[in-house]
Amino acid sequence: MFDLVDGKAVWQGGREDYEKAAEAASACGHFRADCEEERIDDDVSCYNCRYRRWTRGSFVCMKGGNA
């Protein structure tokens, strides 16, 4: 689900792979919900994790994508 690019775990699904992002977050021991202002909804998803950093086309997992 993640590609290692320049030493960073980049999400393969871009910004709209909600189903896979929810699966990955549910299996991830590092998931922590981000603050309300930074979440896109209330679902458990990589898109709502405090350890993701948005990029132009996707996001980087700051915990290494260990889902």
Protein backbone atom coordinates (compact mmCIF):
# COMPACT_ATOMS: atom_id res chain seq x y z
CA MET A 1 0.00 0.00 0.00
CA PHE A 2 3.04 2.24 0.40
CA ASP A 3 6.03 2.84 -1.85
CA LEU A 4 9.41 3.73 -0.42
CA VAL A 5 10.46 6.94 -2.21
CA ASP A 6 13.64 8.70 -1.11
CA GLY A 7 13.38 6.95 2.24
CA LYS A 8 9.74 7.99 2.79
CA ALA A 9 6.61 5.80 2.85
CA VAL A 10 4.35 7.28 0.15
CA TRP A 11 0.75 6.07 -0.09
CA GLN A 12 0.07 4.38 -3.45
CA GLY A 13 -3.65 5.21 -3.48
CA GLY A 14 -3.40 8.95 -3.93
CA ARG A 15 -5.97 11.11 -2.17
CA GLU A 16 -9.14 9.14 -2.93
CA ASP A 17 -8.58 5.46 -2.10
CA TYR A 18 -10.83 5.61 0.95
CA GLU A 19 -11.48 1.88 1.26
CA LYS A 20 -7.79 0.88 1.23
CA ALA A 21 -6.86 3.78 3.53
CA ALA A 22 -9.46 2.58 6.05
CA GLU A 23 -8.16 -1.00 5.83
CA ALA A 24 -4.56 0.14 6.32
CA ALA A 25 -5.40 2.33 9.31
CA SER A 26 -7.44 -0.43 10.96
CA ALA A 27 -4.44 -2.77 10.73
CA CYS A 28 -1.88 -0.15 11.82
CA GLY A 29 -0.61 -0.08 15.39
CA HIS A 30 0.52 3.52 14.93
CA PHE A 31 -2.83 5.06 13.90
CA ARG A 32 -3.88 8.02 16.00
CA ALA A 33 -6.74 10.28 14.97
CA ASP A 34 -5.61 13.76 13.97
CA CYS A 35 -7.22 16.84 15.50
CA GLU A 36 -10.74 17.56 14.27
CA GLU A 37 -9.66 20.47 12.05
CA GLU A 38 -7.22 18.25 10.12
CA ARG A 39 -9.50 15.23 9.52
CA ILE A 40 -11.54 14.83 6.35
CA ASP A 41 -14.28 12.89 8.21
CA ASP A 42 -14.67 10.82 11.40
CA ASP A 43 -13.60 7.47 9.91
CA VAL A 44 -10.56 5.50 11.00
CA SER A 45 -8.42 6.03 7.91
CA CYS A 46 -4.86 6.90 7.00
CA TYR A 47 -6.33 10.13 5.62
CA ASN A 48 -7.33 11.07 9.18
CA CYS A 49 -4.13 9.98 10.94
CA ARG A 50 -1.96 12.47 12.82
CA TYR A 51 1.13 10.80 11.31
CA ARG A 52 0.26 11.48 7.65
CA ARG A 53 1.65 14.48 5.82
CA TRP A 54 -0.08 15.52 2.62
CA THR A 55 1.84 15.76 -0.63
CA ARG A 56 0.63 17.12 -3.95
CA GLY A 57 -0.90 13.80 -5.03
CA SER A 58 -1.01 11.63 -1.91
CA PHE A 59 0.54 11.57 1.56
CA VAL A 60 3.62 10.32 3.40
CA CYS A 61 3.29 8.13 6.49
CA MET A 62 5.67 9.50 9.10
CA LYS A 63 5.63 6.13 10.89
CA GLY A 64 6.95 4.32 7.83
CA GLY A 65 3.72 2.85 6.46
CA ASN A 66 3.77 -0.08 8.86
CA ALA A 67 0.18 -1.04 8.30
